[in-house]
Each structure stands twice: as structure tokens, then as C-alpha cells.
Protein backbone atom coordinates (compact mmCIF):
# COMPACT_ATOMS: atom_id res chain seq x y z
CA MET A 1 8.93 -11.92 -11.29
CA ASN A 2 10.86 -13.50 -14.05
CA ARG A 3 9.74 -12.62 -17.54
CA LYS A 4 11.44 -14.93 -20.02
CA THR A 5 10.33 -18.40 -19.02
CA GLN A 6 6.97 -19.87 -18.12
CA GLN A 7 7.99 -19.76 -14.48
CA GLU A 8 9.01 -16.12 -14.79
CA GLN A 9 5.80 -14.90 -16.38
CA GLN A 10 3.93 -14.04 -13.27
CA THR A 11 2.54 -11.07 -11.43
CA ARG A 12 3.65 -8.74 -8.64
CA PHE A 13 6.37 -11.06 -7.44
CA PRO A 14 7.63 -14.07 -9.40
CA GLN A 15 5.35 -17.04 -9.25
CA HIS A 16 7.25 -20.23 -9.72
CA PRO A 17 4.34 -22.66 -9.39
CA PRO A 18 2.10 -22.90 -12.49
CA LEU A 19 -0.39 -20.03 -12.58
CA GLY A 20 -3.70 -21.42 -11.36
CA ARG A 21 -7.33 -20.47 -11.33
CA ARG A 22 -7.90 -20.80 -7.61
CA ARG A 23 -9.64 -17.94 -5.91
CA LEU A 24 -10.26 -17.84 -2.21
CA ARG A 25 -13.76 -16.66 -1.39
CA ASN A 26 -12.76 -14.96 1.83
CA ALA A 27 -10.23 -12.76 0.00
CA HIS A 28 -12.91 -11.50 -2.38
CA LEU A 29 -15.39 -10.94 0.45
CA ALA A 30 -12.82 -9.02 2.46
CA GLY A 31 -11.99 -6.87 -0.56
CA LEU A 32 -15.67 -6.14 -1.23
CA ALA A 33 -16.23 -5.34 2.44
CA THR A 34 -13.36 -2.87 2.40
CA LEU A 35 -14.73 -1.19 -0.72
CA ALA A 36 -18.21 -1.00 0.77
CA ALA A 37 -16.93 0.49 4.04
CA ALA A 38 -14.79 3.05 2.25
CA GLY A 39 -17.64 4.02 -0.07
CA ALA A 40 -20.14 4.36 2.77
CA LEU A 41 -17.89 6.55 4.87
CA LEU A 42 -16.93 8.72 1.90
CA ALA A 43 -20.62 9.16 1.06
CA ILE A 44 -21.35 10.23 4.63
CA ALA A 45 -18.46 12.69 4.50
CA VAL A 46 -19.79 14.33 1.34
CA ILE A 47 -23.56 14.23 1.93
CA ALA A 48 -23.85 14.93 5.65
CA PRO A 49 -21.83 18.18 5.74
CA ALA A 50 -23.65 19.42 2.61
CA GLN A 51 -27.05 18.82 4.21
CA ALA A 52 -25.99 20.41 7.48
CA ALA A 53 -24.61 23.48 5.72
CA GLU A 54 -27.67 24.04 3.49
CA GLY A 55 -29.14 27.48 4.05
CA THR A 56 -26.23 28.74 6.16
CA SER A 57 -23.67 31.45 5.49
CA ALA A 58 -20.10 30.74 4.43
CA ALA A 59 -18.84 31.44 7.94
CA GLU A 60 -21.45 29.18 9.47
CA SER A 61 -20.63 26.45 6.94
CA ALA A 62 -16.95 26.64 7.86
CA GLU A 63 -17.83 26.42 11.54
CA ILE A 64 -20.02 23.35 10.89
CA ALA A 65 -17.21 21.70 8.92
CA ASN A 66 -14.73 22.34 11.72
CA ALA A 67 -17.14 20.97 14.30
CA SER A 68 -17.92 17.82 12.32
CA PRO A 69 -16.44 14.59 13.70
CA LEU A 70 -15.72 13.52 10.10
CA HIS A 71 -12.64 14.82 8.30
CA LEU A 72 -11.83 14.37 4.61
CA SER A 73 -8.28 14.89 3.39
CA GLY A 74 -6.26 14.11 0.30
CA ASN A 75 -2.71 13.66 -0.86
CA LEU A 76 -0.85 13.85 -4.15
CA GLY A 77 2.72 12.95 -4.92
CA VAL A 78 5.29 12.07 -7.54
CA VAL A 79 8.19 9.65 -7.05
CA SER A 80 11.22 8.85 -9.17
CA GLN A 81 10.10 5.20 -8.94
CA TYR A 82 7.50 3.29 -6.94
CA VAL A 83 9.14 0.89 -4.50
CA PHE A 84 6.90 -1.44 -2.48
CA ARG A 85 8.40 -3.57 0.26
CA GLY A 86 11.81 -3.08 -1.27
CA THR A 87 10.92 -4.08 -4.85
CA THR A 88 10.42 -1.66 -7.73
CA GLN A 89 6.88 -1.63 -9.11
CA THR A 90 7.57 0.66 -12.07
CA ASN A 91 10.83 -0.76 -13.44
CA LYS A 92 12.70 2.25 -11.97
CA LYS A 93 10.44 4.71 -13.80
CA PRO A 94 8.48 7.62 -12.21
CA ALA A 95 5.03 7.24 -10.69
CA LEU A 96 2.16 9.62 -9.97
CA GLN A 97 0.37 8.76 -6.74
CA GLY A 98 -2.49 10.09 -4.66
CA GLY A 99 -5.51 9.32 -2.56
CA PHE A 100 -8.22 10.38 -0.15
CA ASP A 101 -8.75 9.60 3.53
CA LEU A 102 -11.88 9.91 5.63
CA THR A 103 -11.38 9.85 9.39
CA HIS A 104 -13.70 10.09 12.36
CA ASP A 105 -12.87 11.51 15.77
CA ASN A 106 -13.53 8.08 17.29
CA GLY A 107 -10.59 6.62 15.33
CA LEU A 108 -12.47 4.99 12.44
CA TYR A 109 -11.07 5.63 8.99
CA ALA A 110 -11.37 4.59 5.35
CA GLY A 111 -9.59 5.61 2.19
CA ILE A 112 -8.27 4.94 -1.25
CA TRP A 113 -4.76 5.35 -2.65
CA MET A 114 -3.63 4.88 -6.26
CA SER A 115 -0.44 4.66 -8.29
CA ASN A 116 0.63 3.69 -11.77
CA VAL A 117 2.54 0.38 -11.95
CA SER A 118 4.25 -1.66 -14.65
CA TRP A 119 5.24 -4.88 -12.90
CA ILE A 120 2.22 -6.85 -14.09
CA SER A 121 2.82 -6.37 -17.80
CA ASP A 122 6.57 -6.54 -17.20
CA ALA A 123 6.11 -10.01 -15.72
CA ASN A 124 3.54 -11.16 -18.26
CA PRO A 125 3.24 -9.09 -21.50
CA ALA A 126 -0.11 -10.75 -22.21
CA ALA A 127 -1.58 -8.95 -19.20
CA SER A 128 -2.65 -5.31 -19.28
CA ALA A 129 -2.96 -3.60 -15.89
CA SER A 130 -1.18 -0.34 -15.18
CA LEU A 131 -3.07 0.88 -12.08
CA GLU A 132 -2.89 -0.08 -8.42
CA ALA A 133 -5.85 1.00 -6.31
CA ASP A 134 -5.60 0.34 -2.56
CA LEU A 135 -8.89 0.35 -0.63
CA TYR A 136 -8.70 0.26 3.14
CA ALA A 137 -10.70 0.75 6.31
CA GLY A 138 -9.83 0.41 9.97
CA TRP A 139 -9.79 1.79 13.47
CA LYS A 140 -7.02 3.63 15.32
CA PRO A 141 -7.89 3.72 19.02
CA ALA A 142 -5.75 5.78 21.39
CA ILE A 143 -4.44 3.51 24.13
CA SER A 144 -2.65 6.32 25.95
CA ASP A 145 -1.27 9.77 25.18
CA TRP A 146 1.80 8.16 23.59
CA LEU A 147 0.52 4.83 22.24
CA ASN A 148 -2.01 4.17 19.47
CA ALA A 149 -3.25 0.91 17.99
CA ASP A 150 -4.29 0.29 14.39
CA ILE A 151 -6.42 -2.58 13.07
CA GLY A 152 -7.95 -2.86 9.63
CA VAL A 153 -8.18 -4.45 6.22
CA LEU A 154 -6.51 -3.41 2.97
CA HIS A 155 -7.35 -4.62 -0.54
CA TYR A 156 -4.84 -4.17 -3.36
CA ALA A 157 -6.79 -4.01 -6.64
CA TYR A 158 -5.23 -4.14 -10.11
CA PRO A 159 -8.01 -3.56 -12.68
CA GLY A 160 -7.18 -4.69 -16.19
CA SER A 161 -7.24 -7.64 -18.56
CA TYR A 162 -5.50 -10.94 -17.87
CA PRO A 163 -4.86 -14.03 -19.99
CA GLY A 164 -6.60 -17.25 -19.13
CA GLY A 165 -4.87 -19.30 -16.47
CA MET A 166 -3.12 -16.33 -14.86
CA THR A 167 -3.58 -15.88 -11.13
CA LYS A 168 -4.76 -12.30 -10.70
CA PRO A 169 -2.62 -10.12 -8.45
CA ASP A 170 -5.49 -8.69 -6.37
CA THR A 171 -4.60 -9.22 -2.72
CA THR A 172 -6.39 -8.66 0.58
CA GLU A 173 -4.54 -8.27 3.89
CA ILE A 174 -5.80 -7.77 7.41
CA TYR A 175 -3.42 -5.93 9.70
CA ALA A 176 -2.75 -4.84 13.26
CA GLY A 177 -0.15 -2.45 14.57
CA LEU A 178 1.10 -0.25 17.39
CA ASP A 179 2.47 3.29 17.07
CA ALA A 180 4.49 4.68 19.98
CA ARG A 181 5.26 8.22 18.82
CA TRP A 182 8.42 7.73 16.77
CA ILE A 183 8.48 3.92 16.50
CA ALA A 184 5.80 1.75 14.92
CA PHE A 185 5.20 -1.95 14.26
CA LYS A 186 2.63 -3.42 11.86
CA TYR A 187 1.79 -7.00 10.96
CA SER A 188 -0.17 -7.81 7.78
CA TYR A 189 -1.71 -11.20 6.98
CA SER A 190 -2.86 -12.21 3.50
CA THR A 191 -6.26 -13.90 3.34
CA GLY A 192 -5.80 -15.43 -0.12
CA ASN A 193 -3.47 -15.62 -3.11
CA THR A 194 -0.77 -13.02 -2.58
CA PHE A 195 0.22 -10.62 -5.37
CA GLY A 196 -0.38 -13.17 -8.11
CA ASN A 197 1.33 -16.12 -6.45
CA ALA A 198 -1.01 -19.11 -6.22
CA ASP A 199 -1.47 -21.16 -3.04
CA THR A 200 0.00 -18.45 -0.81
CA SER A 201 -2.86 -17.78 1.59
CA GLY A 202 -1.44 -16.99 5.03
CA SER A 203 1.58 -15.11 3.73
CA SER A 204 2.54 -12.16 5.92
CA TYR A 205 4.57 -8.99 6.19
CA ALA A 206 6.10 -7.59 9.39
CA ASP A 207 7.12 -3.92 9.36
CA LEU A 208 9.20 -2.08 11.98
CA SER A 209 9.72 1.64 11.30
CA VAL A 210 11.33 4.56 13.10
CA ASN A 211 10.72 8.24 12.31
CA HIS A 212 12.48 10.96 14.30
CA GLU A 213 13.54 14.56 13.75
CA LEU A 214 17.28 14.84 13.26
CA PHE A 215 17.82 18.60 12.98
CA ALA A 216 16.39 21.71 11.28
CA GLY A 217 13.09 20.00 10.51
CA ILE A 218 14.73 17.06 8.75
CA ILE A 219 13.04 13.76 9.66
CA GLY A 220 15.11 10.60 9.65
CA ILE A 221 13.46 7.33 8.58
CA ALA A 222 14.63 3.78 9.23
CA HIS A 223 12.69 0.64 8.34
CA ILE A 224 13.10 -3.12 8.24
CA GLY A 225 10.49 -5.54 6.98
CA ARG A 226 10.07 -9.25 6.47
CA GLN A 227 7.93 -10.61 3.63
CA ARG A 228 7.11 -14.26 4.38
CA TYR A 229 5.40 -16.42 1.79
CA THR A 230 3.62 -19.71 2.29
CA GLY A 231 3.33 -22.38 -0.37
CA PRO A 232 5.74 -24.59 -2.32
CA ASN A 233 8.01 -21.69 -3.34
CA SER A 234 8.17 -19.97 0.04
CA ALA A 235 11.97 -20.21 0.24
CA ALA A 236 12.48 -18.44 -3.10
CA LEU A 237 9.80 -15.81 -2.50
CA SER A 238 10.41 -14.83 1.15
CA TYR A 239 12.86 -12.02 1.83
CA THR A 240 13.84 -9.12 4.11
CA ASP A 241 13.89 -5.48 3.05
CA TRP A 242 15.26 -2.34 4.70
CA LYS A 243 15.22 1.41 4.10
CA LEU A 244 17.00 4.55 5.26
CA GLY A 245 15.77 7.99 4.31
CA VAL A 246 15.07 11.62 5.17
CA THR A 247 12.16 13.99 4.58
CA ARG A 248 11.77 17.75 4.91
CA ASP A 249 8.58 19.80 4.88
CA PHE A 250 8.76 22.97 2.79
CA SER A 251 5.55 24.92 3.45
CA GLY A 252 3.37 21.85 3.01
CA TYR A 253 5.41 20.22 0.25
CA VAL A 254 7.31 17.23 1.65
CA LEU A 255 10.53 16.36 -0.15
CA GLY A 256 11.99 12.92 0.52
CA LEU A 257 15.04 10.87 -0.34
CA ALA A 258 15.36 7.17 0.50
CA TYR A 259 17.65 4.23 -0.08
CA THR A 260 16.16 0.71 -0.08
CA ASP A 261 17.58 -2.78 -0.45
CA THR A 262 16.58 -6.42 0.06
CA ASN A 263 18.01 -9.91 0.17
CA ALA A 264 15.43 -11.13 -2.37
CA ALA A 265 16.72 -14.19 -4.23
CA ASP A 266 17.52 -13.92 -7.92
CA ALA A 267 15.53 -17.12 -8.45
CA GLY A 268 12.39 -15.41 -7.25
CA TYR A 269 12.75 -11.79 -8.30
CA THR A 270 14.62 -11.57 -11.61
CA ILE A 271 12.91 -9.69 -14.43
CA ARG A 272 14.59 -9.16 -17.78
CA GLY A 273 17.90 -10.12 -16.26
CA LYS A 274 17.61 -7.76 -13.26
CA ASN A 275 16.64 -8.46 -9.67
CA ILE A 276 13.82 -6.04 -8.83
CA GLY A 277 14.79 -6.25 -5.15
CA ASN A 278 18.26 -4.83 -5.66
CA SER A 279 19.21 -1.51 -4.03
CA GLN A 280 17.06 1.44 -5.08
CA VAL A 281 17.17 5.21 -4.59
CA VAL A 282 13.84 7.04 -4.49
CA LEU A 283 13.23 10.78 -4.67
CA SER A 284 9.72 11.91 -3.72
CA LEU A 285 7.59 15.05 -3.48
CA ASN A 286 4.22 14.93 -1.71
CA LYS A 287 1.51 17.42 -0.85
CA ALA A 288 -1.40 16.89 1.56
CA PHE A 289 -4.61 18.87 1.25
């Protein structure tokens, strides 16, 4: 994500090859499919309970909602900066984040999550896109009482205006993972251009995370991830990130503190003279509802 030269003026992560116009049809189709699935499930969640509860008392409506196999929840949070896979997305400035999730008792789910970002215009001032909207849908089957699987598709959308010739940062990933109580592994595979870098279909991200209570309700977090890029600049763009942190729930408000770092190369991740993958400290406050 360099900003001062033609090579540096790129999107989410620095794009050293010339910005192209290529778009992979399967990436767009996957993104549209995710949006359609999320919209359909959200519509069911809103319309079906309302129809079922029509003409019933408040108590009966509450009982119907509790008995429904569909569950709608939301989340809202603020962070001192938005860090994604070890790289700052807001130039070390605060971000407001939130979303909605619709789940079914059979393990199906869909949702949307949003955050403000600045990395697009930071990388290319001619672009104007300050919102990230993540649309996702998947299935989490229970394999046993201690092991769950997770398969799905996630589309990162960045609505805005872009100059001609710029590869848009919209990215679609399919993923699969396993969650064994306090340890989880997830593998994501990009189906097209990846975060604004042209000719990077097949790039991937592997994520290994551990969450465990330390003491007095304090949860310890440890994570290591590997972002692997394909294409002519794969060596400059690929990197490893890691994180250590803690969270504590205070009557539904979750306070968190995390330290992140990467080995991202200066040649691939320098913006305005700073490597966006350098060590970061993030303070967060989140509320689920």
C-alpha cells in the first residue's frame, strides 16, 4: 500500500503490478450469491415471526420468538483502530463497527458487518471509499459435543468511486474451519482479485486462534495467521501476522486490549513512509444485543 509512486497507489494492500481492469466472473457471482442468501434469511427472520405473532398477546409473542428456530442478533463496537490481518485499515485512527447475524438451529447462518476504513483513499487519493461491508453466509454443523465445523462464503464490499484503471478492492473468499472449544483453525481462499491486487486469484489466509479463560473472567487470546498471495508480486505481498490479547465481559460490555505485529515487507506495505503492518495496539469495546 504505497502512496507516493505509481506502484504505491493501490488498494487494501500495496499492488505493485499495474492496476488492471480484470474482473473474475466467479468472484462477482459468489459475492452476489452471498448477498442474496443473507438478504433472504434476514427477510425470513423479520417477516415470519411477525406473521406468526399477529393477533397474539405480548407473552405469546415472546414465547413464539423463543420457540422459533431462527435467531436474529446484533453487535456494535468501537476500536482505537481497525486492524485486519495485522495491518491497520484506518491509519491508526478509531473505527465504529457493527453488524447483524441471523442463525438457524440447524447451523445455517448469514450476516452483515460494517466498519469505516481509510486505507483505500490513503493508498490512492483519487479513490473515495470509506466503508467496508462484509456479507457472509455459511453452515456450522456440530460434529460432536466439543467439535464444530464451519463452511461458508464471505464478500468484502467497498462501495465508493474509483478512478479508471484501478482494480477495485472488493474481494470474495470461501472458507472452511474447525472449532474445538478453545482452539480454532480457519482457511480462506480468494476466488478473484484480492483486496485490490490484480492477478491474485487463489490467494489464501490461514488462521490459528486460541481463546481461553485465564482468571477472574479474563479471556486470553493468541493468534497466528499467514496471508499468502499469488501472482507476480507474491513474495512482496505475502506475510505472517500474530496477536496476543485479553478481553473481559462487564455486564454485557466486552472490553479488549490486543497487541498485533507482522513480518510484512516494507516494499509491499509502506504508506506515507510507514509500514502498515508494523506492531499495533488496539483497545476495543463491544456490545452484543
